[in-house]
């Protein structure tokens, strides 16, 4: 059992374990540790804890010290210079014609090594490229190839779900993902639907895969014939979330009906209630009213009945009168319309007669009026 401290080199990245080496720290503090490329600044994620080191495959490195103000200033200065070098290096990659993409560039704390992270599909021969970089920056150059998933984890981005990529936000390590997981979840196998920004299968396929794999063992296969409480049928589809199966059942009149059954109903654990099993409700017969004893004298009919009959007769008469009124109103409209047409025609004729007079006569009359005035 030894005292161990867990740290992160990048925010949201993978955590690494180091021997405390007698250094007491708190969560969120910066420390200087022995990195692969030399001393590096890291942030404490989990403070001093006692753990068994026999479970680790490689021997753990030590925490050197707590980060001082000088260490933090040199760390920030190295990061600023590394950003400038990254832009220069992209230009030089194009000049050398190398088929690779520069992802990140960073210095070690003592500036003894400059690490370049890149992605490439094939092997790249960059021996001449490294020689030129070493002469320019006068330090040791290390080329480190990373995968497409690591690139997205460092750069970040918005996934198809609209949230930040899981590898950047919460995932510490990449889990194994396969196309079989998409098949068990009945997802579309189109690459645009199941692939992320990195072009690989989305990491979230592994989140719910254990539930779907367990449910798939319980559900019947699609296309198989099974016995149901309503009879034998063929499985059409399965709903893994509700654990239900849609079964096509043949009836006596050679027609097919689709019914849904849960797993418990198919196993007989949850009995179903059928219409035949429900007891038929007895219809209540209406009570017969006994006739009252009639007297010898004939009773007069009440006045209400006479009043009720009168409106029924008036309804027929009112209907006939309304039809006649409508017809009369239409005739009046037609006559008014014809009169208006006649008046407009006469006005047009008068205007045409006036306009038929020759121009010189009209002009002469107009001139005489002016002279008289």
Protein backbone atom coordinates (compact mmCIF):
# COMPACT_ATOMS: atom_id res chain seq x y z
CA UNK A 1 0.00 0.00 0.00
CA UNK A 2 1.42 3.35 -1.08
CA UNK A 3 0.20 6.92 -1.17
CA UNK A 4 -1.02 7.88 -4.65
CA UNK A 5 -2.22 11.12 -6.29
CA UNK A 6 -4.41 11.21 -9.44
CA UNK A 7 -3.81 14.10 -11.84
CA UNK A 8 -4.96 15.38 -15.25
CA UNK A 9 -2.82 17.07 -17.90
CA UNK A 10 -5.82 18.35 -19.86
CA UNK A 11 -9.17 19.46 -18.47
CA UNK A 12 -11.68 16.64 -18.93
CA UNK A 13 -8.94 14.26 -20.10
CA UNK A 14 -7.74 10.95 -18.75
CA UNK A 15 -6.49 10.83 -15.15
CA UNK A 16 -3.10 9.33 -14.34
CA UNK A 17 -1.75 7.98 -11.04
CA UNK A 18 1.56 9.11 -9.53
CA UNK A 19 3.35 8.33 -6.29
CA UNK A 20 2.85 11.14 -3.75
CA UNK A 21 6.56 11.10 -2.74
CA UNK A 22 5.68 12.83 0.52
CA UNK A 23 3.89 15.77 -1.14
CA UNK A 24 0.56 16.72 0.46
CA UNK A 25 -1.87 18.38 -1.94
CA UNK A 26 -5.55 19.23 -2.31
CA UNK A 27 -7.93 18.78 -5.23
CA UNK A 28 -7.55 21.50 -7.86
CA UNK A 29 -3.92 22.35 -7.03
CA UNK A 30 -1.18 22.34 -9.68
CA UNK A 31 1.83 20.01 -9.28
CA UNK A 32 4.95 19.17 -11.26
CA UNK A 33 5.27 15.47 -12.14
CA UNK A 34 7.65 13.24 -14.09
CA UNK A 35 6.10 13.03 -17.55
CA UNK A 36 7.06 10.87 -20.50
CA UNK A 37 8.59 13.85 -22.28
CA UNK A 38 10.07 15.40 -19.12
CA UNK A 39 8.68 17.42 -16.21
CA UNK A 40 5.13 18.64 -16.78
CA UNK A 41 2.48 20.65 -14.94
CA UNK A 42 -0.74 18.81 -14.03
CA UNK A 43 -3.90 19.42 -11.97
CA UNK A 44 -4.80 17.22 -8.99
CA UNK A 45 -8.10 15.36 -9.43
CA UNK A 46 -7.92 13.08 -6.40
CA UNK A 47 -5.77 13.92 -3.39
CA UNK A 48 -3.52 11.59 -1.36
CA UNK A 49 -5.06 8.11 -1.06
CA UNK A 50 -3.62 4.75 -0.02
CA UNK A 51 -3.81 2.16 -2.81
CA UNK A 52 -2.24 -1.18 -3.71
CA UNK A 53 0.32 -0.63 -6.49
CA UNK A 54 0.46 -4.31 -7.46
CA UNK A 55 -2.60 -3.83 -9.73
CA UNK A 56 -0.71 -1.38 -11.99
CA UNK A 57 1.05 -2.91 -15.00
CA UNK A 58 3.93 -0.39 -15.14
CA UNK A 59 5.84 1.18 -12.24
CA UNK A 60 4.41 4.54 -11.21
CA UNK A 61 6.36 7.77 -11.54
CA UNK A 62 6.66 10.37 -8.80
CA UNK A 63 5.27 13.79 -8.06
CA UNK A 64 8.26 16.17 -7.94
CA UNK A 65 6.77 19.16 -6.12
CA UNK A 66 3.93 21.60 -5.88
CA UNK A 67 3.87 24.01 -8.82
CA UNK A 68 5.35 27.39 -7.92
CA UNK A 69 4.54 30.76 -9.47
CA UNK A 70 7.65 30.48 -11.64
CA UNK A 71 6.54 27.05 -12.93
CA UNK A 72 3.10 28.38 -13.85
CA UNK A 73 4.56 31.40 -15.67
CA UNK A 74 6.94 29.24 -17.71
CA UNK A 75 4.07 26.83 -18.46
CA UNK A 76 1.89 29.66 -19.82
CA UNK A 77 4.82 31.10 -21.82
CA UNK A 78 5.48 27.70 -23.44
CA UNK A 79 1.83 27.36 -24.42
CA UNK A 80 1.82 30.76 -26.16
CA UNK A 81 4.94 29.91 -28.16
CA UNK A 82 3.55 26.45 -29.01
CA UNK A 83 0.45 28.05 -30.63
CA UNK A 84 2.66 30.16 -32.91
CA UNK A 85 4.79 27.12 -33.80
CA UNK A 86 1.64 25.16 -34.68
CA UNK A 87 0.62 27.69 -37.35
CA UNK A 88 4.15 27.78 -38.78
CA UNK A 89 4.33 23.99 -38.83
CA UNK A 90 1.11 23.65 -40.87
CA UNK A 91 2.67 25.82 -43.58
CA UNK A 92 5.87 23.75 -43.60
CA UNK A 93 3.88 20.51 -43.87
CA UNK A 94 2.35 21.79 -47.13
CA UNK A 95 5.79 22.85 -48.41
CA UNK A 96 7.18 19.34 -47.85
CA UNK A 97 4.03 17.74 -49.35
CA UNK A 98 3.34 15.51 -46.33
CA UNK A 99 -0.11 13.87 -46.11
CA UNK A 100 -0.71 14.54 -42.41
CA UNK A 101 -2.66 16.89 -40.14
CA UNK A 102 -1.00 18.69 -37.22
CA UNK A 103 -3.35 18.53 -34.21
CA UNK A 104 -1.34 19.89 -31.28
CA UNK A 105 2.15 21.14 -30.39
CA UNK A 106 3.48 21.55 -26.84
CA UNK A 107 6.78 22.05 -24.98
CA UNK A 108 7.98 20.23 -21.90
CA UNK A 109 8.34 22.42 -18.79
CA UNK A 110 12.13 22.70 -19.13
CA UNK A 111 11.85 23.19 -22.96
CA UNK A 112 14.06 20.14 -23.54
CA UNK A 113 11.56 18.56 -25.96
CA UNK A 114 8.95 19.75 -28.47
CA UNK A 115 6.17 17.21 -29.11
CA UNK A 116 4.09 17.33 -32.28
CA UNK A 117 0.80 15.35 -32.37
CA UNK A 118 -0.57 14.54 -35.81
CA UNK A 119 -3.11 12.31 -37.58
CA UNK A 120 -2.50 10.42 -40.83
CA UNK A 121 -4.14 7.50 -42.59
CA UNK A 122 -0.90 6.06 -43.97
CA UNK A 123 2.70 5.98 -42.85
CA UNK A 124 4.53 9.32 -43.31
CA UNK A 125 8.25 9.76 -44.00
CA UNK A 126 9.16 12.97 -42.14
CA UNK A 127 12.92 12.51 -41.56
CA UNK A 128 13.87 15.62 -43.53
CA UNK A 129 11.00 17.51 -41.91
CA UNK A 130 12.30 16.75 -38.39
CA UNK A 131 15.85 17.82 -39.29
CA UNK A 132 14.65 21.23 -40.45
CA UNK A 133 12.51 21.71 -37.32
CA UNK A 134 15.44 20.82 -35.07
CA UNK A 135 17.65 23.42 -36.75
CA UNK A 136 14.98 26.12 -36.45
CA UNK A 137 13.79 25.56 -32.86
CA UNK A 138 17.07 24.09 -31.52
CA UNK A 139 15.48 21.38 -29.37
CA UNK A 140 14.57 17.74 -29.59
CA UNK A 141 11.53 17.05 -31.83
CA UNK A 142 9.16 14.16 -31.13
CA UNK A 143 6.45 13.19 -33.62
CA UNK A 144 3.45 11.46 -31.99
CA UNK A 145 0.65 9.94 -34.09
CA UNK A 146 -2.83 9.90 -32.53
CA UNK A 147 -6.18 8.54 -33.69
CA UNK A 148 -9.29 10.34 -34.93
CA UNK A 149 -11.00 9.88 -31.56
CA UNK A 150 -8.10 11.52 -29.71
CA UNK A 151 -8.22 14.44 -32.14
CA UNK A 152 -11.88 15.17 -31.40
CA UNK A 153 -11.22 14.73 -27.69
CA UNK A 154 -8.61 17.48 -27.81
CA UNK A 155 -10.41 19.82 -30.21
CA UNK A 156 -13.96 19.29 -28.91
CA UNK A 157 -17.19 19.85 -30.84
CA UNK A 158 -20.97 19.45 -30.91
CA UNK A 159 -22.28 15.95 -31.57
CA UNK A 160 -25.40 14.92 -33.57
CA UNK A 161 -27.45 15.07 -30.35
CA UNK A 162 -26.75 18.79 -29.97
CA UNK A 163 -24.52 18.43 -26.90
CA UNK A 164 -20.77 18.51 -26.50
CA UNK A 165 -18.97 15.32 -27.48
CA UNK A 166 -18.88 12.72 -24.69
CA UNK A 167 -15.15 12.10 -25.19
CA UNK A 168 -14.49 15.77 -24.41
CA UNK A 169 -17.04 16.20 -21.63
CA UNK A 170 -17.18 13.06 -19.50
CA UNK A 171 -15.35 10.05 -20.96
CA UNK A 172 -11.99 9.24 -19.40
CA UNK A 173 -11.19 6.23 -21.59
CA UNK A 174 -12.54 4.97 -24.91
CA UNK A 175 -14.68 1.85 -24.76
CA UNK A 176 -14.92 -0.80 -27.47
CA UNK A 177 -17.77 -0.06 -29.90
CA UNK A 178 -18.91 -2.34 -32.75
CA UNK A 179 -21.60 -2.47 -35.42
CA UNK A 180 -23.21 -5.37 -33.55
CA UNK A 181 -24.30 -2.89 -30.86
CA UNK A 182 -26.21 -0.85 -33.46
CA UNK A 183 -27.90 -4.01 -34.78
CA UNK A 184 -29.05 -5.13 -31.33
CA UNK A 185 -30.57 -1.68 -30.73
CA UNK A 186 -32.43 -1.76 -34.09
CA UNK A 187 -30.66 1.40 -35.30
CA UNK A 188 -30.09 2.46 -38.88
CA UNK A 189 -26.72 1.22 -40.17
CA UNK A 190 -26.20 4.37 -42.23
CA UNK A 191 -22.80 5.91 -41.41
CA UNK A 192 -24.36 9.37 -41.08
CA UNK A 193 -26.63 8.10 -38.28
CA UNK A 194 -24.25 6.01 -36.16
CA UNK A 195 -20.92 7.83 -36.69
CA UNK A 196 -19.69 10.87 -34.79
CA UNK A 197 -17.48 13.83 -35.68
CA UNK A 198 -14.40 11.62 -35.75
CA UNK A 199 -15.89 9.41 -38.48
CA UNK A 200 -15.92 6.40 -36.13
CA UNK A 201 -18.84 4.74 -34.37
CA UNK A 202 -20.36 6.93 -31.66
CA UNK A 203 -19.24 6.15 -28.11
CA UNK A 204 -22.83 6.43 -26.81
CA UNK A 205 -23.75 3.14 -28.54
CA UNK A 206 -22.09 1.35 -25.62
CA UNK A 207 -24.15 3.12 -22.95
CA UNK A 208 -27.44 1.18 -23.34
CA UNK A 209 -26.05 -1.90 -25.05
CA UNK A 210 -26.19 -4.13 -21.90
CA UNK A 211 -29.94 -3.48 -21.50
CA UNK A 212 -30.69 -4.23 -25.17
CA UNK A 213 -28.51 -7.36 -25.13
CA UNK A 214 -30.33 -8.67 -22.05
CA UNK A 215 -33.78 -7.87 -23.48
CA UNK A 216 -32.94 -9.46 -26.84
CA UNK A 217 -32.43 -12.82 -25.11
CA UNK A 218 -35.93 -12.63 -23.60
CA UNK A 219 -37.79 -11.47 -26.74
CA UNK A 220 -38.81 -13.88 -29.54
CA UNK A 221 -37.16 -13.51 -32.94
CA UNK A 222 -38.94 -11.61 -35.71
CA UNK A 223 -40.56 -14.01 -38.20
CA UNK A 224 -40.80 -16.94 -35.77
CA UNK A 225 -44.10 -18.63 -34.93
CA UNK A 226 -45.04 -18.58 -31.25
CA UNK A 227 -48.03 -19.54 -29.15
CA UNK A 228 -49.92 -16.68 -27.55
CA UNK A 229 -52.99 -16.53 -25.27
CA UNK A 230 -55.04 -15.72 -28.42
CA UNK A 231 -53.54 -18.58 -30.46
CA UNK A 232 -50.50 -19.21 -32.63
CA UNK A 233 -49.08 -16.34 -34.64
CA UNK A 234 -46.02 -14.89 -36.35
CA UNK A 235 -43.86 -12.21 -34.68
CA UNK A 236 -43.92 -8.98 -36.71
CA UNK A 237 -41.78 -6.63 -34.57
CA UNK A 238 -40.31 -6.21 -31.07
CA UNK A 239 -40.33 -3.15 -28.80
CA UNK A 240 -37.26 -3.41 -26.56
CA UNK A 241 -38.07 -0.39 -24.40
CA UNK A 242 -41.55 -1.59 -23.39
CA UNK A 243 -40.61 -5.28 -23.80
CA UNK A 244 -43.59 -5.98 -26.06
CA UNK A 245 -44.01 -8.05 -29.24
CA UNK A 246 -46.45 -7.48 -32.09
CA UNK A 247 -47.87 -10.83 -33.29
CA UNK A 248 -49.99 -11.49 -36.41
CA UNK A 249 -52.70 -14.06 -35.61
CA UNK A 250 -54.98 -15.85 -38.08
CA UNK A 251 -58.69 -15.96 -37.22
CA UNK A 252 -61.43 -18.42 -38.15
CA UNK A 253 -62.64 -16.33 -41.13
CA UNK A 254 -59.12 -16.43 -42.72
CA UNK A 255 -58.38 -12.83 -41.69
CA UNK A 256 -55.27 -11.68 -39.80
CA UNK A 257 -55.20 -9.49 -36.72
CA UNK A 258 -52.13 -7.90 -35.09
CA UNK A 259 -52.00 -7.91 -31.31
CA UNK A 260 -49.33 -6.77 -28.84
CA UNK A 261 -48.19 -8.97 -25.97
CA UNK A 262 -45.69 -8.38 -23.19
CA UNK A 263 -43.05 -10.91 -22.23
CA UNK A 264 -44.98 -11.86 -19.10
CA UNK A 265 -48.15 -12.46 -21.12
CA UNK A 266 -46.32 -14.70 -23.58
CA UNK A 267 -44.86 -16.70 -20.70
CA UNK A 268 -48.23 -16.94 -18.96
CA UNK A 269 -47.11 -14.98 -15.89
CA UNK A 270 -49.52 -12.10 -16.51
CA UNK A 271 -52.98 -13.50 -17.46
CA UNK A 272 -54.97 -11.60 -20.06
CA UNK A 273 -58.66 -10.77 -19.79
CA UNK A 274 -60.75 -11.70 -22.85
CA UNK A 275 -64.22 -10.52 -23.81
CA UNK A 276 -65.50 -14.11 -23.63
CA UNK A 277 -64.37 -14.47 -20.00
CA UNK A 278 -66.33 -11.39 -18.89
CA UNK A 279 -69.75 -12.31 -17.50
CA UNK A 280 -72.54 -10.92 -19.72
CA UNK A 281 -74.63 -8.26 -18.07
CA UNK A 282 -78.34 -9.08 -17.77
CA UNK A 283 -80.58 -6.56 -19.43
CA UNK A 284 -83.14 -5.03 -17.11
CA UNK A 285 -86.69 -5.26 -18.44
CA UNK A 286 -88.69 -2.03 -18.33
CA UNK A 287 -91.35 -1.99 -15.65
CA UNK A 288 -94.87 -2.18 -17.03
CA UNK A 289 -97.19 0.55 -15.84
CA UNK A 290 -100.60 -0.64 -14.77
CA UNK A 291 -103.50 1.20 -16.39
CA UNK A 292 -105.50 3.42 -14.06
CA UNK A 293 -109.19 2.64 -13.56
CA UNK A 294 -111.28 4.60 -16.06
CA UNK A 295 -114.47 6.33 -15.01
CA UNK A 296 -117.82 5.98 -16.83
CA UNK A 297 -117.92 9.68 -17.84
CA UNK A 298 -115.62 10.62 -20.73
CA UNK A 299 -112.96 13.00 -19.59
CA UNK A 300 -112.36 16.20 -21.49
CA UNK A 301 -108.99 16.58 -23.19
CA UNK A 302 -106.76 19.15 -21.52
CA UNK A 303 -106.27 22.53 -23.19
CA UNK A 304 -102.52 21.94 -23.51
CA UNK A 305 -103.01 19.28 -26.20
CA UNK A 306 -105.02 21.69 -28.34
CA UNK A 307 -102.36 24.34 -28.04
CA UNK A 308 -99.64 21.85 -28.97
CA UNK A 309 -101.47 20.80 -32.11
CA UNK A 310 -102.00 24.34 -33.38
CA UNK A 311 -98.30 25.18 -33.90
CA UNK A 312 -97.86 22.05 -36.07
CA UNK A 313 -100.57 23.28 -38.44
CA UNK A 314 -99.12 26.78 -38.48
CA UNK A 315 -95.67 25.43 -39.41
CA UNK A 316 -96.94 24.13 -42.74
CA UNK A 317 -98.74 27.35 -43.56
CA UNK A 318 -95.70 29.45 -42.60
CA UNK A 319 -93.47 27.37 -44.89
CA UNK A 320 -95.73 27.97 -47.89
CA UNK A 321 -95.94 31.71 -47.19
CA UNK A 322 -92.20 32.11 -46.91
CA UNK A 323 -91.70 30.46 -50.33
CA UNK A 324 -94.15 32.91 -51.95
CA UNK A 325 -92.44 35.89 -50.29
CA UNK A 326 -89.04 34.78 -51.57
CA UNK A 327 -90.37 34.41 -55.12
CA UNK A 328 -91.98 37.88 -55.00
CA UNK A 329 -88.74 39.44 -53.74
CA UNK A 330 -86.77 37.87 -56.58
CA UNK A 331 -89.26 39.23 -59.16
CA UNK A 332 -88.93 42.73 -57.69
CA UNK A 333 -85.13 42.58 -57.91
CA UNK A 334 -85.30 41.44 -61.53
CA UNK A 335 -87.66 44.25 -62.49
CA UNK A 336 -85.48 46.87 -60.77
CA UNK A 337 -82.44 45.50 -62.54
CA UNK A 338 -84.11 45.70 -65.97
CA UNK A 339 -85.22 49.32 -65.30
CA UNK A 340 -81.70 50.33 -64.38
CA UNK A 341 -80.35 48.73 -67.57
CA UNK A 342 -82.88 50.64 -69.66
CA UNK A 343 -81.92 53.96 -68.03
CA UNK A 344 -78.21 53.39 -68.65
CA UNK A 345 -78.87 52.50 -72.31
CA UNK A 346 -80.85 55.71 -72.87
CA UNK A 347 -78.08 57.80 -71.30
CA UNK A 348 -75.52 56.19 -73.60
CA UNK A 349 -77.66 56.96 -76.68
CA UNK A 350 -78.00 60.63 -75.68
CA UNK A 351 -74.24 60.97 -75.27
CA UNK A 352 -73.61 59.37 -78.63
CA UNK A 353 -76.06 61.81 -80.37
CA UNK A 354 -74.30 64.80 -78.85
CA UNK A 355 -70.89 63.51 -79.90
CA UNK A 356 -72.09 62.98 -83.51
CA UNK A 357 -72.28 66.76 -84.18
CA UNK A 358 -69.37 67.95 -86.40
CA UNK A 359 -66.49 69.67 -84.72
CA UNK A 360 -66.73 72.96 -86.64
CA UNK A 361 -70.37 73.49 -85.55
CA UNK A 362 -69.47 72.98 -81.90
CA UNK A 363 -66.47 75.27 -82.22
CA UNK A 364 -68.55 77.94 -84.03
CA UNK A 365 -71.19 77.97 -81.24
CA UNK A 366 -68.48 78.27 -78.63
CA UNK A 367 -66.94 81.24 -80.52
CA UNK A 368 -70.31 83.02 -80.80
CA UNK A 369 -70.84 82.76 -77.07
CA UNK A 370 -67.47 84.42 -76.42
CA UNK A 371 -68.29 87.31 -78.83
CA UNK A 372 -71.64 87.91 -77.21
CA UNK A 373 -70.00 88.12 -73.86
